[in-house]
N, C-alpha and C. Protein backbone atom coordinates (compact mmCIF):
# COMPACT_ATOMS: atom_id res chain seq x y z
N MET A 1 -268.65 148.41 90.17
CA MET A 1 -267.46 149.07 91.06
C MET A 1 -266.38 149.67 89.87
N ARG A 2 -266.12 151.20 89.63
CA ARG A 2 -265.30 151.68 88.29
C ARG A 2 -263.75 150.96 88.49
N LYS A 3 -263.24 150.20 87.35
CA LYS A 3 -262.07 149.70 87.77
C LYS A 3 -260.95 151.10 87.67
N ILE A 4 -260.24 150.75 88.29
CA ILE A 4 -259.13 151.88 88.55
C ILE A 4 -257.59 151.49 88.11
N LYS A 5 -256.72 152.63 87.74
CA LYS A 5 -255.40 152.06 87.44
C LYS A 5 -254.44 151.59 88.72
N LYS A 6 -253.57 151.13 88.96
CA LYS A 6 -252.66 150.41 90.44
C LYS A 6 -251.66 151.59 89.89
N ILE A 7 -251.21 152.15 90.36
CA ILE A 7 -249.62 152.33 90.35
C ILE A 7 -248.56 151.84 90.93
N GLY A 8 -247.43 151.26 91.97
CA GLY A 8 -247.47 151.06 92.97
C GLY A 8 -248.27 150.90 94.24
N ASP A 9 -248.64 152.17 94.89
CA ASP A 9 -249.55 151.83 96.59
C ASP A 9 -250.62 152.59 95.58
N VAL A 10 -250.53 153.63 94.80
CA VAL A 10 -251.94 154.70 94.71
C VAL A 10 -252.64 154.59 93.82
N GLU A 11 -253.48 155.12 93.74
CA GLU A 11 -254.64 154.71 92.52
C GLU A 11 -254.19 156.12 91.81
N THR A 12 -254.54 155.46 90.63
CA THR A 12 -254.72 156.56 89.38
C THR A 12 -255.57 156.87 88.18
N PHE A 13 -256.26 158.20 88.35
CA PHE A 13 -257.67 158.06 87.61
C PHE A 13 -257.18 158.10 85.96
N PRO A 14 -257.77 157.00 85.31
CA PRO A 14 -257.33 156.11 83.94
C PRO A 14 -258.39 157.11 82.98
N VAL A 15 -257.71 158.22 82.58
CA VAL A 15 -257.83 159.52 81.27
C VAL A 15 -258.25 158.33 80.44
N ASP A 16 -257.20 157.13 80.14
CA ASP A 16 -257.37 156.79 78.42
C ASP A 16 -258.88 155.40 78.84
N VAL A 17 -259.17 155.14 79.78
CA VAL A 17 -259.95 154.47 79.83
C VAL A 17 -261.60 155.15 80.38
N ILE A 18 -261.72 156.05 80.69
CA ILE A 18 -263.10 156.98 81.12
C ILE A 18 -262.99 158.29 79.57
N ILE A 19 -262.45 158.12 79.04
CA ILE A 19 -263.22 158.83 78.02
C ILE A 19 -263.42 158.08 76.70
N ASN A 20 -263.45 156.91 76.86
CA ASN A 20 -263.96 155.48 76.24
C ASN A 20 -265.30 155.58 76.18
N LYS A 21 -266.17 154.78 75.63
CA LYS A 21 -267.21 154.38 75.76
C LYS A 21 -267.45 153.19 76.88
N PRO A 22 -268.59 153.31 77.60
CA PRO A 22 -269.82 154.20 77.62
C PRO A 22 -269.54 155.34 77.58
N VAL A 23 -270.09 156.53 76.39
CA VAL A 23 -269.95 157.62 77.14
C VAL A 23 -270.78 158.11 77.86
N ARG A 24 -272.30 158.02 78.17
CA ARG A 24 -273.16 159.03 78.74
C ARG A 24 -272.24 158.68 80.60
N GLU A 25 -272.42 157.54 81.08
CA GLU A 25 -272.08 157.14 81.93
C GLU A 25 -270.32 158.13 82.64
N ASN A 26 -269.50 157.73 81.67
CA ASN A 26 -268.27 158.43 81.93
C ASN A 26 -267.91 159.59 81.71
N THR A 27 -268.96 160.79 80.88
CA THR A 27 -268.58 162.00 80.78
C THR A 27 -268.60 162.22 82.03
N ARG A 28 -269.72 162.15 83.29
CA ARG A 28 -269.96 163.22 84.00
C ARG A 28 -268.47 162.78 85.16
N VAL A 29 -268.18 161.46 84.93
CA VAL A 29 -266.65 161.46 85.79
C VAL A 29 -265.65 162.33 85.55
N LEU A 30 -265.54 162.11 84.26
CA LEU A 30 -264.21 163.20 83.57
C LEU A 30 -264.29 164.10 84.19
N PHE A 31 -265.26 165.22 83.73
CA PHE A 31 -265.90 166.35 83.87
C PHE A 31 -265.62 166.71 85.42
N SER A 32 -266.08 165.76 86.23
CA SER A 32 -265.92 166.17 88.17
C SER A 32 -264.34 166.16 87.79
N HIS A 33 -263.67 165.28 87.79
CA HIS A 33 -262.46 165.46 87.70
C HIS A 33 -261.48 166.77 87.40
N ILE A 34 -262.01 166.83 86.33
CA ILE A 34 -261.37 168.48 85.24
C ILE A 34 -262.00 169.63 86.29
N ALA A 35 -263.21 169.49 86.53
CA ALA A 35 -264.05 170.41 87.68
C ALA A 35 -263.01 170.73 88.50
N ARG A 36 -261.94 170.14 89.36
CA ARG A 36 -261.38 170.47 90.31
C ARG A 36 -260.54 171.09 89.59
N TYR A 37 -259.77 171.18 88.61
CA TYR A 37 -258.35 171.90 88.32
C TYR A 37 -259.19 173.37 87.21
N VAL A 38 -260.70 173.18 87.47
CA VAL A 38 -260.94 174.69 86.76
C VAL A 38 -261.20 175.59 87.44
N ILE A 39 -261.80 174.81 89.19
CA ILE A 39 -262.15 175.33 90.08
C ILE A 39 -260.89 176.35 90.87
N ALA A 40 -259.60 175.94 90.62
CA ALA A 40 -258.41 176.07 90.95
C ALA A 40 -257.62 177.09 90.31
N CYS A 41 -257.61 176.95 88.79
CA CYS A 41 -257.74 177.85 88.22
C CYS A 41 -258.54 179.47 88.73
N ARG A 42 -259.84 178.90 89.05
CA ARG A 42 -260.37 180.38 89.38
C ARG A 42 -260.06 180.83 91.11
N LYS A 43 -259.99 179.88 91.69
CA LYS A 43 -259.44 180.67 93.09
C LYS A 43 -258.22 180.42 93.21
N LEU A 44 -257.03 180.53 92.60
CA LEU A 44 -255.70 181.06 92.25
C LEU A 44 -256.02 182.10 91.82
N ASP A 45 -256.94 182.41 91.15
CA ASP A 45 -256.15 183.29 89.38
C ASP A 45 -255.20 183.47 88.98
N ILE A 46 -255.03 181.84 88.65
CA ILE A 46 -253.55 181.49 88.19
C ILE A 46 -253.83 182.35 86.08
N ASN A 47 -252.87 182.90 85.69
CA ASN A 47 -253.06 183.26 84.62
C ASN A 47 -251.60 183.36 83.82
N ASP A 48 -251.53 183.86 82.60
CA ASP A 48 -250.16 183.81 82.45
C ASP A 48 -248.90 184.42 82.32
N ARG A 49 -249.04 184.91 83.44
CA ARG A 49 -247.87 185.39 84.25
C ARG A 49 -246.74 184.56 85.52
N ASN A 50 -247.83 183.40 85.45
CA ASN A 50 -248.05 182.10 86.83
C ASN A 50 -246.98 181.32 85.92
N VAL A 51 -246.15 180.59 87.40
CA VAL A 51 -245.44 179.24 87.23
C VAL A 51 -245.67 178.72 88.01
N VAL A 52 -246.42 177.61 88.17
CA VAL A 52 -247.42 176.91 88.88
C VAL A 52 -246.85 175.16 88.89
N VAL A 53 -247.07 174.47 89.84
CA VAL A 53 -246.97 173.15 89.67
C VAL A 53 -247.98 172.62 90.12
N ASP A 54 -247.98 171.14 89.63
CA ASP A 54 -249.42 170.61 89.91
C ASP A 54 -248.61 169.02 90.84
N ALA A 55 -249.42 169.22 92.20
CA ALA A 55 -248.67 167.72 92.80
C ALA A 55 -249.39 166.85 93.57
N SER A 56 -249.83 165.94 93.14
CA SER A 56 -249.26 165.09 91.89
C SER A 56 -249.72 165.25 90.54
N CYS A 57 -249.36 165.22 89.72
CA CYS A 57 -249.87 165.06 88.37
C CYS A 57 -250.88 163.59 88.14
N GLY A 58 -250.19 162.78 88.40
CA GLY A 58 -250.66 161.23 87.65
C GLY A 58 -250.73 161.54 85.94
N GLU A 59 -251.40 160.79 85.43
CA GLU A 59 -251.45 161.20 84.15
C GLU A 59 -251.41 162.21 83.11
N GLY A 60 -251.54 163.21 84.20
CA GLY A 60 -251.12 164.73 83.24
C GLY A 60 -251.86 165.42 82.79
N TYR A 61 -253.37 164.92 82.72
CA TYR A 61 -254.57 165.80 82.01
C TYR A 61 -254.81 166.62 82.74
N GLY A 62 -254.34 167.19 84.15
CA GLY A 62 -254.64 168.47 84.87
C GLY A 62 -254.10 169.43 84.55
N THR A 63 -252.46 169.01 84.48
CA THR A 63 -251.62 169.54 84.32
C THR A 63 -251.38 170.27 82.78
N TYR A 64 -251.78 169.63 81.75
CA TYR A 64 -252.44 169.98 80.68
C TYR A 64 -253.02 171.62 80.78
N TYR A 65 -254.47 171.06 81.72
CA TYR A 65 -255.45 171.85 81.63
C TYR A 65 -254.91 173.53 82.20
N LEU A 66 -253.98 173.09 83.20
CA LEU A 66 -253.29 174.20 84.05
C LEU A 66 -252.22 174.76 83.13
N SER A 67 -252.10 174.22 81.98
CA SER A 67 -250.41 174.94 81.36
C SER A 67 -251.96 175.75 79.99
N THR A 68 -253.06 175.58 79.93
CA THR A 68 -253.94 176.64 79.55
C THR A 68 -253.94 178.19 79.33
N LYS A 69 -253.74 177.78 80.82
CA LYS A 69 -253.87 179.34 81.73
C LYS A 69 -252.62 180.01 82.35
N ALA A 70 -251.32 178.93 82.35
CA ALA A 70 -250.59 179.80 82.97
C ALA A 70 -248.84 180.00 82.07
N GLU A 71 -248.30 180.60 83.00
CA GLU A 71 -246.74 180.54 82.18
C GLU A 71 -246.55 179.94 81.98
N LYS A 72 -245.99 178.57 83.05
CA LYS A 72 -245.52 177.99 82.66
C LYS A 72 -245.90 176.62 84.04
N VAL A 73 -245.76 175.25 83.80
CA VAL A 73 -246.63 174.31 84.50
C VAL A 73 -245.61 173.27 84.80
N TYR A 74 -245.16 172.61 86.10
CA TYR A 74 -244.32 172.12 86.32
C TYR A 74 -245.35 170.60 86.72
N GLY A 75 -245.13 169.39 86.37
CA GLY A 75 -246.22 168.04 86.88
C GLY A 75 -245.78 167.51 87.23
N LEU A 76 -245.82 166.87 89.07
CA LEU A 76 -244.69 166.25 89.18
C LEU A 76 -245.36 165.00 89.94
N ASP A 77 -244.67 163.88 90.31
CA ASP A 77 -245.38 162.80 90.96
C ASP A 77 -244.10 161.69 91.00
N ILE A 78 -244.16 160.79 92.00
CA ILE A 78 -243.34 159.96 92.13
C ILE A 78 -243.22 158.86 91.08
N TYR A 79 -244.07 158.65 90.34
CA TYR A 79 -244.37 157.12 89.41
C TYR A 79 -243.79 157.40 88.27
N GLU A 80 -242.63 156.90 87.40
CA GLU A 80 -242.12 157.08 86.34
C GLU A 80 -243.22 156.88 85.03
N THR A 81 -244.16 155.41 85.41
CA THR A 81 -244.83 155.09 84.54
C THR A 81 -246.11 156.68 84.91
N ASN A 82 -246.45 157.18 85.36
CA ASN A 82 -247.30 158.60 85.06
C ASN A 82 -246.57 159.62 84.20
N LEU A 83 -245.35 159.66 84.79
CA LEU A 83 -245.24 160.71 83.57
C LEU A 83 -244.65 160.42 82.22
N LYS A 84 -244.19 158.85 82.06
CA LYS A 84 -244.29 158.86 80.55
C LYS A 84 -245.56 158.99 80.14
N TYR A 85 -246.63 158.56 80.92
CA TYR A 85 -247.90 158.77 80.19
C TYR A 85 -248.34 160.33 79.99
N ALA A 86 -248.21 161.28 80.93
CA ALA A 86 -248.15 162.36 80.46
C ALA A 86 -247.34 162.54 79.64
N ARG A 87 -246.25 162.63 79.71
CA ARG A 87 -244.86 163.04 78.31
C ARG A 87 -245.55 162.98 77.15
N LYS A 88 -246.22 161.47 76.88
CA LYS A 88 -246.61 161.30 75.65
C LYS A 88 -248.26 161.79 74.89
N TYR A 89 -248.66 162.00 75.92
CA TYR A 89 -249.87 162.77 75.53
C TYR A 89 -250.35 163.88 76.15
N PHE A 90 -249.58 164.82 76.74
CA PHE A 90 -249.94 165.95 77.23
C PHE A 90 -248.67 167.01 77.27
N ASP A 91 -247.80 166.78 76.35
CA ASP A 91 -246.58 167.27 76.45
C ASP A 91 -246.67 168.77 75.29
N VAL A 92 -246.66 169.86 76.09
CA VAL A 92 -246.59 171.36 74.96
C VAL A 92 -245.76 172.22 75.64
N ASP A 93 -245.39 172.86 75.11
CA ASP A 93 -244.22 173.97 75.30
C ASP A 93 -244.24 173.98 76.72
N ASN A 94 -245.08 174.04 77.39
CA ASN A 94 -245.09 175.25 78.83
C ASN A 94 -245.60 174.24 79.67
N VAL A 95 -245.06 173.01 79.22
CA VAL A 95 -244.90 171.89 80.55
C VAL A 95 -243.99 171.04 80.84
N ARG A 96 -243.55 170.64 82.01
CA ARG A 96 -242.60 169.71 82.11
C ARG A 96 -243.35 168.57 82.86
N PHE A 97 -242.60 167.40 83.16
CA PHE A 97 -243.24 166.37 83.82
C PHE A 97 -242.15 165.63 84.60
N LEU A 98 -241.86 165.95 85.62
CA LEU A 98 -241.02 165.61 86.51
C LEU A 98 -241.15 164.97 87.79
N LYS A 99 -240.33 163.96 88.11
CA LYS A 99 -240.06 163.84 89.50
C LYS A 99 -239.82 164.73 90.70
N TYR A 100 -240.66 164.76 91.58
CA TYR A 100 -240.60 165.54 92.71
C TYR A 100 -239.11 166.10 92.51
N PHE A 101 -238.16 165.11 93.42
CA PHE A 101 -236.92 165.47 93.24
C PHE A 101 -235.76 166.13 92.50
N ASP A 102 -236.08 165.52 91.28
CA ASP A 102 -235.72 165.78 89.78
C ASP A 102 -236.27 167.65 90.00
N PHE A 103 -236.93 167.52 90.53
CA PHE A 103 -237.90 169.59 90.55
C PHE A 103 -236.92 170.14 91.11
N LEU A 104 -236.62 169.54 92.66
CA LEU A 104 -235.75 170.41 92.97
C LEU A 104 -234.09 170.31 93.18
N LYS A 105 -233.69 169.78 91.93
CA LYS A 105 -232.64 169.80 91.11
C LYS A 105 -232.53 170.87 90.25
N THR A 106 -233.18 171.12 90.16
CA THR A 106 -233.13 172.29 88.88
C THR A 106 -233.27 173.63 89.48
N LYS A 107 -233.48 173.83 90.78
CA LYS A 107 -233.42 175.02 91.34
C LYS A 107 -234.10 176.26 90.77
N ILE A 108 -235.44 176.02 90.36
CA ILE A 108 -236.72 176.80 90.14
C ILE A 108 -236.82 177.55 91.21
N SER A 109 -236.55 178.87 91.27
CA SER A 109 -236.91 179.73 91.97
C SER A 109 -238.04 180.76 92.58
N ARG A 110 -238.70 180.21 91.60
CA ARG A 110 -240.05 180.77 91.32
C ARG A 110 -241.02 180.00 91.16
N VAL A 111 -242.04 179.86 92.13
CA VAL A 111 -243.11 179.27 92.27
C VAL A 111 -244.68 179.81 92.20
N ASP A 112 -245.69 180.46 91.52
CA ASP A 112 -246.41 181.23 92.34
C ASP A 112 -247.61 180.50 92.94
N LYS A 113 -248.11 179.26 92.14
CA LYS A 113 -249.27 178.65 92.81
C LYS A 113 -248.93 176.95 92.76
N LEU A 114 -249.77 176.46 93.61
CA LEU A 114 -249.28 175.10 93.84
C LEU A 114 -250.45 174.44 93.85
N VAL A 115 -250.88 173.51 92.88
CA VAL A 115 -252.44 173.09 92.65
C VAL A 115 -251.74 171.45 93.72
N CYS A 116 -252.72 170.87 94.48
CA CYS A 116 -252.37 169.51 94.89
C CYS A 116 -253.80 169.22 95.13
N ILE A 117 -254.17 168.28 94.10
CA ILE A 117 -255.49 167.60 93.91
C ILE A 117 -255.52 166.27 94.38
N GLU A 118 -256.24 165.83 95.39
CA GLU A 118 -256.77 164.21 95.48
C GLU A 118 -255.20 163.63 95.78
N THR A 119 -254.24 163.99 96.52
CA THR A 119 -252.90 163.54 96.63
C THR A 119 -252.78 163.31 98.06
N LEU A 120 -253.29 164.49 99.11
CA LEU A 120 -252.41 164.14 100.37
C LEU A 120 -253.04 162.85 101.40
N GLU A 121 -254.04 162.40 100.93
CA GLU A 121 -254.65 161.46 101.36
C GLU A 121 -254.10 159.78 101.24
N HIS A 122 -253.34 160.03 99.97
CA HIS A 122 -252.05 158.64 99.74
C HIS A 122 -251.07 159.32 100.61
N ILE A 123 -250.66 160.06 101.63
CA ILE A 123 -249.75 159.98 102.16
C ILE A 123 -249.90 159.71 103.74
N SER A 124 -249.39 158.83 104.27
CA SER A 124 -249.56 158.23 105.59
C SER A 124 -249.04 159.12 106.34
N LYS A 125 -250.12 159.41 108.00
CA LYS A 125 -249.49 159.69 109.02
C LYS A 125 -247.92 159.89 108.96
N LYS A 126 -247.30 158.63 109.33
CA LYS A 126 -245.99 159.61 109.37
C LYS A 126 -245.25 159.87 108.66
N ASN A 127 -245.67 160.11 107.24
CA ASN A 127 -244.79 160.71 106.17
C ASN A 127 -245.52 162.00 105.65
N MET A 128 -246.74 162.78 106.59
CA MET A 128 -247.74 163.87 106.30
C MET A 128 -246.97 164.90 106.13
N GLU A 129 -246.15 164.97 107.17
CA GLU A 129 -245.62 165.71 107.63
C GLU A 129 -244.04 166.80 106.79
N GLU A 130 -243.82 165.80 106.54
CA GLU A 130 -242.19 165.41 105.58
C GLU A 130 -242.92 165.93 104.10
N TYR A 131 -243.94 165.38 103.49
CA TYR A 131 -244.61 165.67 102.21
C TYR A 131 -244.67 167.17 102.14
N ILE A 132 -245.54 167.94 103.03
CA ILE A 132 -246.25 168.68 103.18
C ILE A 132 -244.80 169.98 103.37
N LYS A 133 -243.72 169.50 104.10
CA LYS A 133 -242.74 170.27 103.93
C LYS A 133 -241.88 170.40 102.89
N LEU A 134 -241.93 169.24 101.98
CA LEU A 134 -241.37 169.19 100.71
C LEU A 134 -242.40 170.27 99.65
N LEU A 135 -243.86 170.32 99.79
CA LEU A 135 -244.52 171.01 99.44
C LEU A 135 -244.47 172.56 99.12
N MET A 136 -244.05 172.68 100.55
CA MET A 136 -243.39 174.19 100.61
C MET A 136 -241.88 174.75 100.10
N ARG A 137 -241.23 173.52 99.78
CA ARG A 137 -240.39 173.92 99.79
C ARG A 137 -240.17 174.53 98.36
N ILE A 138 -241.14 173.89 97.82
CA ILE A 138 -241.65 174.02 96.23
C ILE A 138 -241.98 175.68 95.95
N LEU A 139 -242.74 175.46 96.87
CA LEU A 139 -243.83 176.98 96.56
C LEU A 139 -242.96 178.02 97.25
N LYS A 140 -243.09 179.13 96.24
CA LYS A 140 -242.44 180.52 96.65
C LYS A 140 -242.92 181.03 98.07
N VAL A 141 -242.12 181.96 98.68
CA VAL A 141 -242.41 182.26 100.48
C VAL A 141 -243.82 182.82 100.03
N ARG A 142 -244.10 183.81 99.13
CA ARG A 142 -245.71 184.53 99.39
C ARG A 142 -246.36 183.40 98.08
N GLY A 143 -246.44 182.50 98.10
CA GLY A 143 -246.97 181.61 97.28
C GLY A 143 -248.19 181.31 97.55
N ASP A 144 -249.57 180.89 96.60
CA ASP A 144 -250.79 180.33 97.02
C ASP A 144 -250.62 178.58 96.53
N MET A 145 -251.73 178.14 97.55
CA MET A 145 -251.74 177.14 97.02
C MET A 145 -253.23 176.93 97.04
N PHE A 146 -253.75 175.41 96.24
CA PHE A 146 -255.10 174.80 96.16
C PHE A 146 -255.19 173.57 97.01
N LEU A 147 -255.85 173.13 97.94
CA LEU A 147 -255.73 171.57 97.89
C LEU A 147 -257.37 170.88 98.87
N THR A 148 -257.27 170.30 97.75
CA THR A 148 -258.76 168.99 97.67
C THR A 148 -258.13 167.84 98.93
N ILE A 149 -258.90 167.14 99.24
CA ILE A 149 -259.22 166.14 100.16
C ILE A 149 -260.39 165.12 100.14
N PRO A 150 -260.73 164.09 100.33
CA PRO A 150 -261.71 163.56 100.50
C PRO A 150 -262.04 163.87 102.16
N LEU A 151 -263.53 164.08 102.50
CA LEU A 151 -264.16 164.66 103.90
C LEU A 151 -263.45 163.16 104.49
N GLY A 152 -262.64 163.18 105.40
CA GLY A 152 -262.33 162.25 106.34
C GLY A 152 -262.29 162.32 107.72
N GLU A 153 -261.46 161.66 109.11
CA GLU A 153 -261.40 161.56 110.43
C GLU A 153 -260.08 161.54 110.54
N ASN A 154 -258.96 161.81 109.56
CA ASN A 154 -257.97 161.58 110.23
C ASN A 154 -257.74 160.16 110.34
N GLU A 155 -257.96 158.97 109.54
CA GLU A 155 -257.13 157.68 109.62
C GLU A 155 -257.92 157.13 108.32
N PRO A 156 -257.34 156.33 108.32
CA PRO A 156 -257.14 155.37 106.78
C PRO A 156 -258.35 155.54 106.33
N SER A 157 -258.92 155.36 104.66
CA SER A 157 -260.39 155.36 104.36
C SER A 157 -260.97 154.27 104.39
N VAL A 158 -262.17 153.82 105.11
CA VAL A 158 -263.01 152.66 105.25
C VAL A 158 -263.47 152.38 103.80
N TYR A 159 -263.45 153.28 102.58
CA TYR A 159 -263.99 152.65 101.21
C TYR A 159 -262.95 152.60 99.99
N ASN A 160 -261.86 152.83 100.58
CA ASN A 160 -260.80 152.95 99.17
C ASN A 160 -259.47 152.30 100.35
N LYS A 161 -258.69 151.55 99.34
CA LYS A 161 -257.38 151.11 100.19
C LYS A 161 -255.93 151.50 99.82
N PHE A 162 -256.33 152.71 98.77
CA PHE A 162 -255.15 153.49 98.33
C PHE A 162 -255.29 154.77 99.30
N HIS A 163 -256.05 155.30 99.81
CA HIS A 163 -256.24 155.95 100.81
C HIS A 163 -255.90 155.96 101.97
N LYS A 164 -254.18 155.87 102.18
CA LYS A 164 -253.73 155.92 104.01
C LYS A 164 -254.07 156.51 104.97
N ASN A 165 -254.76 158.19 104.62
CA ASN A 165 -255.07 158.48 105.91
C ASN A 165 -255.95 159.72 105.17
N GLU A 166 -257.04 159.76 105.81
CA GLU A 166 -257.92 160.93 105.20
C GLU A 166 -257.75 161.91 106.15
N PRO A 167 -257.20 162.94 105.78
CA PRO A 167 -257.07 163.94 107.26
C PRO A 167 -258.49 164.60 107.38
N SER A 168 -258.87 165.36 108.57
CA SER A 168 -259.81 166.09 108.75
C SER A 168 -259.75 167.43 108.53
N ILE A 169 -260.84 168.39 108.68
CA ILE A 169 -260.46 169.74 108.04
C ILE A 169 -259.52 170.54 109.46
N ASP A 170 -259.99 170.22 110.45
CA ASP A 170 -259.01 170.79 111.73
C ASP A 170 -257.95 170.22 111.48
N VAL A 171 -257.33 169.37 111.26
CA VAL A 171 -256.08 168.65 111.01
C VAL A 171 -254.71 169.15 110.15
N ILE A 172 -255.72 169.75 108.66
CA ILE A 172 -255.30 170.63 107.42
C ILE A 172 -255.16 171.90 108.15
N TYR A 173 -256.40 172.22 108.47
CA TYR A 173 -256.14 174.09 108.82
C TYR A 173 -254.90 174.37 109.90
N LYS A 174 -255.07 173.29 111.01
CA LYS A 174 -254.13 173.53 111.86
C LYS A 174 -252.43 173.15 111.37
N ILE A 175 -251.96 172.52 110.52
CA ILE A 175 -250.53 172.39 109.65
C ILE A 175 -250.66 173.43 108.88
N PHE A 176 -251.80 174.06 108.08
CA PHE A 176 -251.07 174.96 107.33
C PHE A 176 -251.25 176.62 107.60
N MET A 177 -252.33 176.56 108.14
CA MET A 177 -252.56 178.05 109.40
C MET A 177 -251.17 178.91 109.26
N PRO A 178 -249.64 178.26 109.79
CA PRO A 178 -248.90 179.13 110.00
C PRO A 178 -248.26 179.90 108.66
N ARG A 179 -248.46 178.84 107.86
CA ARG A 179 -247.99 179.06 106.42
C ARG A 179 -248.68 179.68 105.54
N PHE A 180 -249.97 180.73 105.40
CA PHE A 180 -250.42 181.53 104.54
C PHE A 180 -251.37 182.20 105.62
N GLU A 181 -251.61 183.39 104.93
CA GLU A 181 -252.44 184.67 105.81
C GLU A 181 -253.78 184.31 105.62
N LYS A 182 -254.27 183.38 104.94
CA LYS A 182 -255.87 183.43 104.46
C LYS A 182 -256.18 182.02 104.07
N ILE A 183 -257.31 181.30 104.72
CA ILE A 183 -257.31 180.21 103.99
C ILE A 183 -258.85 179.89 103.96
N ASP A 184 -259.14 179.51 103.11
CA ASP A 184 -261.06 179.44 102.61
C ASP A 184 -261.15 178.07 102.43
N ILE A 185 -262.24 177.76 103.25
CA ILE A 185 -262.63 175.76 103.36
C ILE A 185 -263.85 175.90 102.51
N GLU A 186 -264.08 175.50 101.57
CA GLU A 186 -265.17 174.85 100.95
C GLU A 186 -265.75 173.23 101.35
N ILE A 187 -266.93 172.92 101.10
CA ILE A 187 -267.06 171.49 101.10
C ILE A 187 -268.11 171.10 99.81
N SER A 188 -267.99 170.05 98.72
CA SER A 188 -268.55 169.88 97.64
C SER A 188 -268.54 168.53 97.27
N SER A 189 -269.82 168.15 96.62
CA SER A 189 -269.51 166.80 95.78
C SER A 189 -268.92 166.89 94.69
N PHE A 190 -267.73 165.15 94.67
CA PHE A 190 -267.60 164.65 93.76
C PHE A 190 -267.56 163.86 93.10
N ILE A 191 -267.31 162.91 91.61
CA ILE A 191 -267.01 161.68 91.64
C ILE A 191 -266.06 161.07 91.51
N ASN A 192 -265.79 160.29 92.13
CA ASN A 192 -264.42 159.92 92.97
C ASN A 192 -264.08 158.89 91.50
N SER A 193 -262.89 158.08 91.43
CA SER A 193 -262.24 157.15 90.63
C SER A 193 -263.30 155.54 90.38
N TYR A 194 -263.86 155.88 91.48
CA TYR A 194 -264.66 154.57 91.34
C TYR A 194 -266.11 155.20 90.58
N GLY A 195 -266.00 156.35 90.50
CA GLY A 195 -268.05 156.68 90.06
C GLY A 195 -268.39 156.77 91.04
N GLU A 196 -268.24 156.73 92.32
CA GLU A 196 -269.04 157.17 93.29
C GLU A 196 -269.27 158.64 93.91
N GLU A 197 -270.20 159.02 94.12
CA GLU A 197 -270.10 160.95 95.00
C GLU A 197 -269.88 160.51 96.10
N THR A 198 -268.85 161.02 96.26
CA THR A 198 -267.90 161.75 97.72
C THR A 198 -267.83 163.46 97.94
N GLU A 199 -268.06 163.27 98.90
CA GLU A 199 -267.84 164.59 99.67
C GLU A 199 -266.16 164.92 100.08
N TYR A 200 -266.39 166.05 99.49
CA TYR A 200 -264.89 166.88 99.01
C TYR A 200 -264.16 167.73 99.89
N ALA A 201 -263.26 168.56 100.79
CA ALA A 201 -262.81 169.74 101.10
C ALA A 201 -262.27 170.58 100.13
N MET A 202 -262.08 171.44 99.48
CA MET A 202 -261.66 172.08 98.86
C MET A 202 -260.97 173.82 99.83
N PHE A 203 -259.44 173.54 99.99
CA PHE A 203 -258.65 174.67 100.46
C PHE A 203 -258.06 175.96 99.72
N SER A 204 -258.80 176.68 99.97
CA SER A 204 -257.49 177.89 99.12
C SER A 204 -256.61 178.57 99.61
N MET A 205 -255.66 178.56 99.69
CA MET A 205 -254.75 179.26 100.59
C MET A 205 -253.86 180.15 100.15
N TYR A 206 -253.92 181.47 100.73
CA TYR A 206 -253.33 182.83 99.64
C TYR A 206 -252.26 183.54 100.86
N ASN A 207 -251.26 184.23 100.31
CA ASN A 207 -250.55 185.12 100.92
C ASN A 207 -250.86 186.35 100.07
N LYS A 208 -250.42 187.47 100.96
CA LYS A 208 -250.80 188.98 100.35
C LYS A 208 -249.82 189.04 99.66
N ARG A 209 -249.75 189.91 98.30
CA ARG A 209 -248.93 189.98 97.39
C ARG A 209 -248.01 191.26 98.02
N ASN A 210 -246.36 190.90 97.28
CA ASN A 210 -245.77 191.78 97.85
C ASN A 210 -246.24 193.29 97.35
């Protein structure tokens, strides 16, 4: 089983470990994680006119990829250890790495797109609605969102102790349906942080342009 980093009570994809040898075994895992950000850019049509939030950013590799497409990207996380790593290795002119509530203090008025990859399953049932309200405060009223979760049954994971609750597709749809005008759902397989193939749900959520 692949060794992952532990930051508090969440898992963190170890970019600095994955990109080292053995190259063949690690390349598939690395590409699989980055692929979700590639898909997010395509699904949301992220371009150089967009301000984007990556929630949560972890070590920042996905935030950096988003920055190659967007005007400005904010990588948000709750752990300063993650943010320090991200600032060290992925700091570029159009990226800022911040804690969630530090971002809210900036009173930034425009966030066009929000990307939330492998985050919601780390939130307990008790705190999920509060976290989603936080995301909706960050995203502008007519903004779009890309979300991924491992397929679950609205219970804690049976294989990953860091997944406090793996929400089901119907639960996610019910939560976000009032907030967006269109939701597309796809099922795909990715390599998780343990190097195991896992099925995930991808939600592309849209609002009509003004």
